[in-house]
Amino acid sequence: MTKNNLYARQANCALCPRQQEGVLVYRQYSQGQHFAADKYSQNCIVFLLEGELLVNSNEYPGTTLKGGQFILQAIGSKGELLALTDVKYILYWFTDPPILCEEKYREILDRAHMPVNYTPLPIIPQMDYLLKGLTHYLSEKYAPCGKIVDLKCQELMYIIISYYPLQQLSMFFYPISTYTESFHYFVMQNYDKVKNVEEFAHMGGYTTTTFRRLFKNVYGVPVYEWILDKKREGILNDLQYTRHRISVISAQYGFDSLSHFAHFCKDSFGDTPRALRRRAAAGEQLQVIKTKREVPAGEEEEDEC
C-alpha cells in the first residue's frame, strides 16, 4: 500500500444525515462543453480555477471568464455557459449567504448599486489557497462531511466580505436583492391569476421544476401550499367583508363548480360558503382550519390551486 493510499479518507460521509449534496460542486469539462440558458433556482458563485468559460447571462452578456476569476449569478437570473478551453471550476450554491459579520453585509447591501458593466472579481491568494484545498475534498471518492462544507462556505464568504473593497462588493451582491425583489413582485402580481403550478411557471418563463425549486428557496414552502393558503385568505376575506355573490367568488378563485367551491370551504373553514357568510353576519370572526394536507410526490404538478 502506498503512502497516499494509506492516508486516503476512509469515512463515507454520504451516509451521515448531516451530509449536504450540491452545495459545493467541483467540475471539469473539455473544450466545447455547453450548458443551455436556464434560470438559476439558487444563487450561484462560479469560481473558475483553470481555462476560459464563456458566460452569457443578464449580468455578464458575452463575458469570457478566465482562470483565477469568479462571478455571482443571482437566484432567478438566466444564463448559459460554454467551455472555450478545458476548464476546472467550483460552483457554490446558496439561498442565504452564511455571513459571519452581519453588520458588514448590511452595509454592503445598503450601498449596493447596479454597475455600468459587471466585472468578474479576481481570486486572491487567501481564496486560492482555500479553493485548491476544496478541489481535493470534492474530488475524493466519498462526499465531504456536511459540517466541513458549512465551515468552508463560511470561510469563502468571510474572505469575500473581508478582503474585497466595499465598492466592488456593492456591485457584486447587487443582483441578489434585485432578482429576489423582482421574483416576489412577479409572484404577488400573478398568483391569483393562475389555476395551477404549471401555468404559474409558464407565465414567468420557467420550467415547472425550476419554478418549484426557486419558489421553495425564496418562500420556504412549496408553491402549491403557498397558493392554497393565499386562496384561503382571499376567500375568507370576501365571504366575511364583501357582498359579492357566492358564484362570483367561486369563479374569481378558479373553481369549476359551486359544489367544488363548497367542498373546498368545508375542508378549509369547516362549513359551506353560505353558512360561513351567515356566521360572519352574526359577528363571528372566521378562521382557517389549521390542518396539514399531505401531498404525495408529483401530485403538486397536477392538482388545481
Foldseek 3Di string as FASTA:
>chain_A
DDPCVVPADDDFQVPPPLFDPPQKAKDKDFAFDKFDKAFALFKKKKQWQAAWKQKDWPQRHRHIDHHQWMAIAAHGTIMMIGGNGTTIIMMGTDHDQPEPDPVLVVVLQVLADADPHQDTHGQDPVNSVLVVVVVVQNVGPHHHHNVVVVVSSNVNVCCVSPPDDSVNSSNRCNVHVVSLVVVVVLCVVPLLPDWAQCVSQVVSVHHSVSVQSSCCSNPVDGPLVVSLVVLVVVLLCCLQPHPDDLVVNCVSNPHPDQVSQQVSCCQFFVGGSVVSSVCSVVPDRTDTDPDDDDDPPPNRRPHTD
